[in-house]
Amino acid sequence: MSTKTDFYELLEIERTADDKTIKSSYRRLAMQFHPDRNPGCDVSEGKFKAISEAYECLKDPQKRAAYDRFGHAAFEQGAAGGGRGGQADFGDIGDIFESIFGNAFGGGGGRRQARRGGDLRYDLEITLDEAFHGKKCELEIEVARACEPCSGSGAEPGTGARRCTMCGGNGKVRAQQGFFMVERSCQTCGGRGEVLETPCRACRGEGRIDQSQKISVDIPAGVDTGTRIRLTGKGEAGPFGAPPGDLYIFLHVQRHAMFERDGTMLVTRAPITFTTAALGGQIEIPGLDGERMAIDIPAGIQTGKQLRRRGGGMPVLQGRGRGDLVVEISVETPTKLTARQKELLRELQETETGEECPESKGFFDRLKGAWEGLS
């Protein structure tokens, strides 16, 4: 029987202690028994080595689980008891982990399941009009598909596969590395556990062939840049008849000449004449749905004012209704005037009292006050 002191006793903790408690207790004891604090003391040095060994074991979840089940025997070639020469052979540490965690550390046996085919990504650029109305399009992509002559098995028609003699059909081989037994995929069979008798000549034993494929995609109304459409089973075929992966369509919506998009909201800038701004009026904005939307301009509107048209924006993706249209007003000052127009404007200027533009009047009043203060 092992004469080593129990690791939990060495660290002066309970078996239910959490990682924080284990670390805290180790630091306290390590500081107490460190050789630099106890020069020439063999007892302290031995104690320091023992608590360090205990901490190295218990801080690792896998090692701790093995220790909790098998004690010190988990890290020894044998332990007192039955077996050869009074020793009960526990095998390698890989077997111990396997008995606790199952196939997560290898083991098992039998034919390995072929992995699923890889997923594919396709970037598709569409216009804002297409995002508004939705679209059905056909893509042509190069993708690995199941080999038809061998039906994806990788074996020449009429032949099959035999059990791999290198790994015994397990798909993995083991190699000893110090205390641990490391598992790797068998290089002879590629981890399948089987070896083809005669590889298919069409796919050279891969079970799949790269080929061009046409795929139909339905793009719903309301999509935006970054929207992802998943086509199940349209990705790469899995090796040796395994299920195929998926195809992901990533959408990119082009910039529009007139509208900017903010979620389901459409924003546009509308320049208007200063007479329309002063007297009010109406303008028309062509919508993406073909409808001409009338926007009422209130008298006295200023540059930067935003007018909203409910339901004039983008459709809600996989929902009902539409977002809003926002029209940002920009008042344009005329640059080409006739003699008559200039005359009319001078007449208007002569009648101005300053009350027509309160913001301008307020600014110059404040400016005048600042000058008087300086004087």
Protein backbone atom coordinates (compact mmCIF):
# COMPACT_ATOMS: atom_id res chain seq x y z
CA MET A 1 0.00 0.00 0.00
CA SER A 2 1.29 3.51 -0.82
CA THR A 3 2.98 5.31 2.10
CA LYS A 4 2.46 8.74 0.61
CA THR A 5 0.42 11.23 2.59
CA ASP A 6 -2.96 12.07 1.12
CA PHE A 7 -2.72 15.13 -1.13
CA TYR A 8 -5.74 16.78 0.51
CA GLU A 9 -4.19 16.32 3.95
CA LEU A 10 -0.90 17.78 2.71
CA LEU A 11 -2.66 20.92 1.52
CA GLU A 12 -4.91 20.99 4.61
CA ILE A 13 -8.13 21.19 2.60
CA GLU A 14 -11.37 19.24 2.23
CA ARG A 15 -11.97 16.93 -0.73
CA THR A 16 -14.74 19.26 -1.87
CA ALA A 17 -12.42 22.31 -1.98
CA ASP A 18 -12.69 24.48 -5.09
CA ASP A 19 -9.78 25.67 -7.24
CA LYS A 20 -9.51 29.00 -5.40
CA THR A 21 -9.22 27.28 -2.00
CA ILE A 22 -6.61 24.82 -3.32
CA LYS A 23 -4.48 27.63 -4.72
CA SER A 24 -4.78 29.77 -1.59
CA SER A 25 -3.80 26.93 0.74
CA TYR A 26 -0.85 25.95 -1.45
CA ARG A 27 0.52 29.50 -1.47
CA ARG A 28 0.23 29.74 2.32
CA LEU A 29 2.02 26.44 2.92
CA ALA A 30 4.64 27.03 0.23
CA MET A 31 5.57 30.31 1.85
CA GLN A 32 5.77 28.61 5.26
CA PHE A 33 8.00 25.70 4.19
CA HIS A 34 10.00 27.32 1.37
CA PRO A 35 13.72 26.37 1.63
CA ASP A 36 14.75 30.03 1.47
CA ARG A 37 12.82 30.63 4.69
CA ASN A 38 14.14 27.46 6.30
CA PRO A 39 17.79 27.16 5.21
CA GLY A 40 19.39 23.80 6.06
CA CYS A 41 16.12 22.24 7.28
CA ASP A 42 15.60 18.89 5.51
CA VAL A 43 12.12 18.48 7.01
CA SER A 44 10.89 21.79 5.55
CA GLU A 45 12.47 21.00 2.19
CA GLY A 46 10.73 17.61 2.09
CA LYS A 47 7.44 19.17 3.11
CA PHE A 48 7.80 21.82 0.41
CA LYS A 49 8.36 19.19 -2.29
CA ALA A 50 5.37 17.15 -1.07
CA ILE A 51 2.91 20.05 -1.09
CA SER A 52 4.19 21.12 -4.53
CA GLU A 53 3.54 17.62 -5.87
CA ALA A 54 0.05 17.64 -4.33
CA TYR A 55 -0.75 21.03 -5.83
CA GLU A 56 0.44 20.00 -9.31
CA CYS A 57 -2.00 17.11 -9.18
CA LEU A 58 -5.06 18.77 -7.66
CA LYS A 59 -4.93 21.95 -9.77
CA ASP A 60 -5.41 19.86 -12.92
CA PRO A 61 -9.09 18.73 -13.26
CA GLN A 62 -8.16 15.56 -15.16
CA LYS A 63 -5.39 14.51 -12.77
CA ARG A 64 -7.56 15.37 -9.78
CA ALA A 65 -10.40 13.18 -11.09
CA ALA A 66 -7.99 10.28 -11.56
CA TYR A 67 -6.53 10.81 -8.07
CA ASP A 68 -9.97 10.98 -6.45
CA ARG A 69 -10.81 7.59 -7.94
CA PHE A 70 -7.53 5.69 -7.74
CA GLY A 71 -5.44 7.65 -5.27
CA HIS A 72 -1.66 7.64 -5.73
CA ALA A 73 -1.97 4.50 -7.86
CA ALA A 74 -3.24 6.67 -10.71
CA PHE A 75 0.32 7.92 -11.20
CA GLU A 76 2.23 4.73 -10.49
CA GLN A 77 2.78 1.63 -12.62
CA GLY A 78 1.09 -0.50 -9.98
CA ALA A 79 -0.27 -0.55 -6.44
CA ALA A 80 -0.31 -2.99 -3.58
CA GLY A 81 -2.96 -5.67 -3.87
CA GLY A 82 -3.66 -8.58 -6.19
CA GLY A 83 -2.02 -9.20 -9.53
CA ARG A 84 1.54 -9.92 -10.59
CA GLY A 85 3.93 -10.04 -7.63
CA GLY A 86 1.41 -8.48 -5.29
CA GLN A 87 0.88 -5.56 -7.71
CA ALA A 88 -2.47 -4.65 -9.27
CA ASP A 89 -1.67 -3.34 -12.77
CA PHE A 90 -3.69 -0.22 -13.53
CA GLY A 91 -2.21 0.09 -17.03
CA ASP A 92 -1.31 3.51 -18.39
CA ILE A 93 -2.81 6.83 -17.38
CA GLY A 94 -4.74 6.95 -20.67
CA ASP A 95 -6.71 3.88 -19.57
CA ILE A 96 -7.50 5.53 -16.25
CA PHE A 97 -8.78 8.71 -17.93
CA GLU A 98 -10.74 6.56 -20.36
CA SER A 99 -12.45 4.70 -17.52
CA ILE A 100 -13.49 8.04 -16.03
CA PHE A 101 -14.25 10.15 -19.09
CA GLY A 102 -15.01 7.53 -21.73
CA ASN A 103 -14.16 8.11 -25.36
CA ALA A 104 -13.15 11.71 -24.76
CA PHE A 105 -9.66 10.24 -24.13
CA GLY A 106 -9.84 7.58 -26.80
CA GLY A 107 -10.56 3.93 -26.45
CA GLY A 108 -13.73 2.20 -27.48
CA GLY A 109 -13.19 0.29 -30.67
CA GLY A 110 -14.99 -0.54 -33.81
CA ARG A 111 -15.32 1.49 -36.97
CA ARG A 112 -14.95 5.24 -36.63
CA GLN A 113 -17.73 7.38 -38.02
CA ALA A 114 -16.62 9.49 -40.98
CA ARG A 115 -16.78 13.18 -40.24
CA ARG A 116 -19.42 15.44 -41.76
CA GLY A 117 -18.57 17.43 -44.88
CA GLY A 118 -17.26 20.97 -44.59
CA ASP A 119 -19.47 24.06 -44.64
CA LEU A 120 -19.06 26.53 -47.51
CA ARG A 121 -19.37 30.31 -47.66
CA TYR A 122 -20.55 32.30 -50.68
CA ASP A 123 -20.60 36.13 -50.71
CA LEU A 124 -23.43 37.54 -52.83
CA GLU A 125 -23.81 41.21 -53.74
CA ILE A 126 -27.31 42.57 -54.41
CA THR A 127 -28.83 46.00 -55.03
CA LEU A 128 -31.00 47.90 -52.55
CA ASP A 129 -33.96 47.41 -54.90
CA GLU A 130 -33.39 43.63 -54.80
CA ALA A 131 -33.16 43.79 -51.00
CA PHE A 132 -36.47 45.68 -50.98
CA HIS A 133 -38.39 43.33 -53.26
CA GLY A 134 -36.60 40.04 -52.57
CA LYS A 135 -35.06 37.94 -55.28
CA LYS A 136 -34.72 34.42 -56.55
CA CYS A 137 -31.33 33.77 -58.10
CA GLU A 138 -29.28 30.83 -59.31
CA LEU A 139 -25.67 30.43 -58.23
CA GLU A 140 -23.01 28.28 -59.83
CA ILE A 141 -20.33 27.14 -57.40
CA GLU A 142 -17.52 24.61 -57.36
CA VAL A 143 -18.17 22.11 -54.60
CA ALA A 144 -17.11 18.61 -53.60
CA ARG A 145 -20.00 16.23 -54.30
CA ALA A 146 -20.37 12.52 -53.63
CA CYS A 147 -18.71 10.40 -56.32
CA GLU A 148 -21.44 8.79 -58.44
CA PRO A 149 -19.54 5.65 -59.62
CA CYS A 150 -18.81 4.53 -56.03
CA SER A 151 -21.79 6.29 -54.39
CA GLY A 152 -19.38 8.12 -52.09
CA SER A 153 -17.84 4.98 -50.56
CA GLY A 154 -14.44 5.51 -52.17
CA ALA A 155 -14.27 1.85 -53.21
CA GLU A 156 -14.29 0.64 -56.80
CA PRO A 157 -17.76 -0.74 -57.64
CA GLY A 158 -17.93 -4.43 -56.78
CA THR A 159 -15.28 -4.15 -54.06
CA GLY A 160 -15.41 -3.21 -50.40
CA ALA A 161 -13.23 -2.46 -47.40
CA ARG A 162 -11.38 -4.60 -44.90
CA ARG A 163 -10.48 -4.01 -41.29
CA CYS A 164 -7.24 -2.07 -40.79
CA THR A 165 -4.59 -4.37 -39.31
CA MET A 166 -2.47 -1.46 -38.04
CA CYS A 167 -5.07 -0.14 -35.58
CA GLY A 168 -7.29 -3.22 -35.38
CA GLY A 169 -10.25 -1.29 -36.72
CA ASN A 170 -10.09 1.28 -33.91
CA GLY A 171 -8.94 4.14 -36.13
CA LYS A 172 -6.33 5.23 -33.58
CA VAL A 173 -2.91 4.03 -32.47
CA ARG A 174 -1.25 4.64 -29.10
CA ALA A 175 2.26 5.71 -28.19
CA GLN A 176 3.82 5.98 -24.72
CA GLN A 177 5.15 9.41 -23.76
CA GLY A 178 6.41 9.45 -20.19
CA PHE A 179 3.47 8.94 -17.80
CA PHE A 180 0.92 9.37 -20.56
CA MET A 181 -0.33 7.20 -23.37
CA VAL A 182 -1.01 9.44 -26.39
CA GLU A 183 -3.54 8.49 -29.07
CA ARG A 184 -3.23 9.54 -32.70
CA SER A 185 -5.25 8.82 -35.81
CA CYS A 186 -4.01 5.77 -37.66
CA GLN A 187 -2.00 6.88 -40.70
CA THR A 188 -2.70 3.65 -42.55
CA CYS A 189 -6.50 4.01 -42.63
CA GLY A 190 -6.77 7.76 -41.91
CA GLY A 191 -8.78 7.11 -38.76
CA ARG A 192 -11.55 5.14 -40.50
CA GLY A 193 -10.63 1.75 -39.08
CA GLU A 194 -10.98 0.29 -42.58
CA VAL A 195 -8.78 0.05 -45.66
CA LEU A 196 -10.24 0.01 -49.17
CA GLU A 197 -9.54 -3.16 -51.16
CA THR A 198 -9.56 -1.28 -54.47
CA PRO A 199 -9.89 2.54 -54.45
CA CYS A 200 -12.39 4.01 -56.89
CA ARG A 201 -10.64 5.18 -60.05
CA ALA A 202 -13.00 8.14 -60.52
CA CYS A 203 -12.38 9.75 -57.12
CA ARG A 204 -9.10 7.96 -56.22
CA GLY A 205 -10.66 6.58 -53.06
CA GLU A 206 -11.81 9.96 -51.71
CA GLY A 207 -15.51 9.26 -52.16
CA ARG A 208 -16.10 12.76 -53.57
CA ILE A 209 -15.26 14.84 -56.63
CA ASP A 210 -15.08 18.61 -57.14
CA GLN A 211 -17.69 19.68 -59.65
CA SER A 212 -19.73 22.73 -60.67
CA GLN A 213 -23.22 22.87 -59.26
CA LYS A 214 -26.16 25.22 -59.81
CA ILE A 215 -28.04 26.18 -56.66
CA SER A 216 -31.27 28.20 -56.41
CA VAL A 217 -31.46 30.75 -53.61
CA ASP A 218 -34.58 32.59 -52.44
CA ILE A 219 -33.62 35.98 -51.00
CA PRO A 220 -36.48 37.33 -48.86
CA ALA A 221 -37.51 40.98 -48.88
CA GLY A 222 -35.91 43.11 -46.18
CA VAL A 223 -32.45 41.52 -46.08
CA ASP A 224 -29.46 43.70 -45.22
CA THR A 225 -25.70 43.52 -45.41
CA GLY A 226 -24.57 40.70 -43.12
CA THR A 227 -27.76 38.67 -43.49
CA ARG A 228 -26.84 34.99 -43.69
CA ILE A 229 -28.89 32.42 -45.56
CA ARG A 230 -28.24 28.77 -44.69
CA LEU A 231 -28.81 26.04 -47.26
CA THR A 232 -28.73 22.73 -45.39
CA GLY A 233 -26.87 19.92 -47.10
CA LYS A 234 -25.55 22.11 -49.92
CA GLY A 235 -21.98 22.23 -48.63
CA GLU A 236 -19.15 19.79 -49.29
CA ALA A 237 -19.97 16.10 -49.38
CA GLY A 238 -18.62 14.20 -46.38
CA PRO A 239 -15.75 11.77 -47.01
CA PHE A 240 -16.65 8.14 -47.66
CA GLY A 241 -20.41 8.71 -47.71
CA ALA A 242 -20.66 10.92 -44.63
CA PRO A 243 -23.41 13.60 -44.59
CA PRO A 244 -22.67 16.84 -46.47
CA GLY A 245 -22.06 20.19 -44.83
CA ASP A 246 -24.10 23.35 -45.28
CA LEU A 247 -23.78 26.31 -47.63
CA TYR A 248 -23.96 29.80 -46.12
CA ILE A 249 -24.86 32.76 -48.35
CA PHE A 250 -23.59 36.08 -46.92
CA LEU A 251 -25.35 39.09 -48.45
CA HIS A 252 -23.81 42.47 -49.24
CA VAL A 253 -26.19 45.29 -50.26
CA GLN A 254 -24.76 47.88 -52.65
CA ARG A 255 -24.94 51.62 -51.93
CA HIS A 256 -27.90 53.38 -53.50
CA ALA A 257 -27.66 56.63 -55.44
CA MET A 258 -30.53 58.24 -53.54
CA PHE A 259 -31.20 56.40 -50.28
CA GLU A 260 -29.10 55.53 -47.27
CA ARG A 261 -30.28 52.68 -45.12
CA ASP A 262 -30.49 52.50 -41.33
CA GLY A 263 -32.09 49.18 -40.42
CA THR A 264 -35.60 49.34 -41.87
CA MET A 265 -35.41 53.12 -42.24
CA LEU A 266 -34.52 54.85 -45.53
CA VAL A 267 -32.94 58.32 -45.39
CA THR A 268 -32.64 60.75 -48.29
CA ARG A 269 -31.63 64.41 -48.65
CA ALA A 270 -33.95 66.80 -50.49
CA PRO A 271 -32.76 70.28 -51.57
CA ILE A 272 -35.62 72.83 -51.85
CA THR A 273 -35.76 76.46 -53.00
CA PHE A 274 -35.73 79.19 -50.39
CA THR A 275 -39.16 80.36 -51.57
CA THR A 276 -40.59 76.88 -50.93
CA ALA A 277 -38.87 76.89 -47.56
CA ALA A 278 -40.40 80.28 -46.75
CA LEU A 279 -43.89 79.76 -48.12
CA GLY A 280 -44.22 75.99 -47.74
CA GLY A 281 -45.24 73.55 -50.45
CA GLN A 282 -44.97 69.94 -51.48
CA ILE A 283 -42.33 67.70 -53.08
CA GLU A 284 -42.49 64.13 -54.39
CA ILE A 285 -40.01 61.36 -53.56
CA PRO A 286 -39.97 58.20 -55.74
CA GLY A 287 -40.09 55.13 -53.50
CA LEU A 288 -38.35 51.80 -54.12
CA ASP A 289 -41.78 50.27 -54.63
CA GLY A 290 -42.42 52.62 -57.56
CA GLU A 291 -44.85 54.81 -55.64
CA ARG A 292 -44.37 58.58 -55.74
CA MET A 293 -44.62 59.77 -52.15
CA ALA A 294 -45.85 63.33 -51.52
CA ILE A 295 -44.00 65.14 -48.73
CA ASP A 296 -45.60 68.31 -47.30
CA ILE A 297 -43.14 71.13 -46.60
CA PRO A 298 -44.26 73.42 -43.75
CA ALA A 299 -43.66 77.15 -44.19
CA GLY A 300 -40.48 78.45 -42.55
CA ILE A 301 -38.64 75.10 -42.61
CA GLN A 302 -34.87 75.24 -42.03
CA THR A 303 -31.93 73.29 -43.39
CA GLY A 304 -31.39 70.05 -41.46
CA LYS A 305 -35.03 69.57 -40.54
CA GLN A 306 -36.16 65.96 -40.99
CA LEU A 307 -39.59 65.00 -42.25
CA ARG A 308 -40.87 61.46 -41.72
CA ARG A 309 -43.16 59.37 -43.94
CA ARG A 310 -44.52 56.39 -42.05
CA GLY A 311 -44.25 53.07 -43.91
CA GLY A 312 -42.06 54.47 -46.67
CA GLY A 313 -38.93 52.49 -45.75
CA MET A 314 -37.68 48.90 -46.07
CA PRO A 315 -39.81 45.80 -45.41
CA VAL A 316 -39.34 44.10 -42.04
CA LEU A 317 -37.38 40.88 -42.63
CA GLN A 318 -39.61 37.85 -42.00
CA GLY A 319 -42.19 40.14 -40.48
CA ARG A 320 -44.98 42.53 -41.34
CA GLY A 321 -44.94 46.18 -42.26
CA ARG A 322 -42.22 48.55 -43.36
CA GLY A 323 -39.93 51.05 -41.77
CA ASP A 324 -40.11 54.81 -42.32
CA LEU A 325 -38.78 57.19 -44.95
CA VAL A 326 -36.88 60.16 -43.52
CA VAL A 327 -36.37 63.21 -45.75
CA GLU A 328 -33.66 65.63 -44.60
CA ILE A 329 -34.30 69.15 -45.92
CA SER A 330 -31.57 71.33 -47.37
CA VAL A 331 -32.54 74.93 -48.30
CA GLU A 332 -30.71 75.98 -51.44
CA THR A 333 -29.78 79.61 -52.04
CA PRO A 334 -30.28 80.66 -55.69
CA THR A 335 -27.11 81.46 -57.64
CA LYS A 336 -28.58 82.49 -61.02
CA LEU A 337 -31.19 85.25 -60.81
CA THR A 338 -32.78 87.38 -63.53
CA ALA A 339 -32.89 91.18 -63.22
CA ARG A 340 -36.55 91.00 -62.28
CA GLN A 341 -35.93 88.40 -59.59
CA LYS A 342 -33.17 90.53 -58.09
CA GLU A 343 -35.49 93.53 -58.12
CA LEU A 344 -38.15 91.57 -56.26
CA LEU A 345 -35.67 90.40 -53.69
CA ARG A 346 -34.48 93.99 -53.13
CA GLU A 347 -38.06 95.02 -52.55
CA LEU A 348 -38.38 92.20 -50.03
CA GLN A 349 -35.16 93.25 -48.36
CA GLU A 350 -36.39 96.82 -47.98
CA THR A 351 -39.49 95.62 -46.14
CA GLU A 352 -37.61 93.34 -43.72
CA THR A 353 -37.75 94.29 -40.03
CA GLY A 354 -35.60 91.47 -38.70
CA GLU A 355 -38.53 89.72 -37.12
CA GLU A 356 -38.85 87.45 -40.17
CA CYS A 357 -35.69 85.58 -39.18
CA PRO A 358 -35.55 85.46 -35.36
CA GLU A 359 -32.46 83.30 -35.22
CA SER A 360 -30.48 85.71 -37.38
CA LYS A 361 -31.76 88.72 -35.42
CA GLY A 362 -30.85 87.07 -32.13
CA PHE A 363 -27.34 86.34 -33.32
CA PHE A 364 -26.62 89.93 -34.38
CA ASP A 365 -28.19 91.28 -31.20
CA ARG A 366 -25.78 89.15 -29.16
CA LEU A 367 -22.92 90.24 -31.39
CA LYS A 368 -23.83 93.91 -30.89
CA GLY A 369 -23.91 93.39 -27.16
CA ALA A 370 -20.45 91.83 -27.26
CA TRP A 371 -19.04 94.83 -29.15
CA GLU A 372 -20.57 97.29 -26.69
CA GLY A 373 -19.04 95.30 -23.85
CA LEU A 374 -15.58 95.53 -25.44
CA SER A 375 -15.90 99.28 -25.93
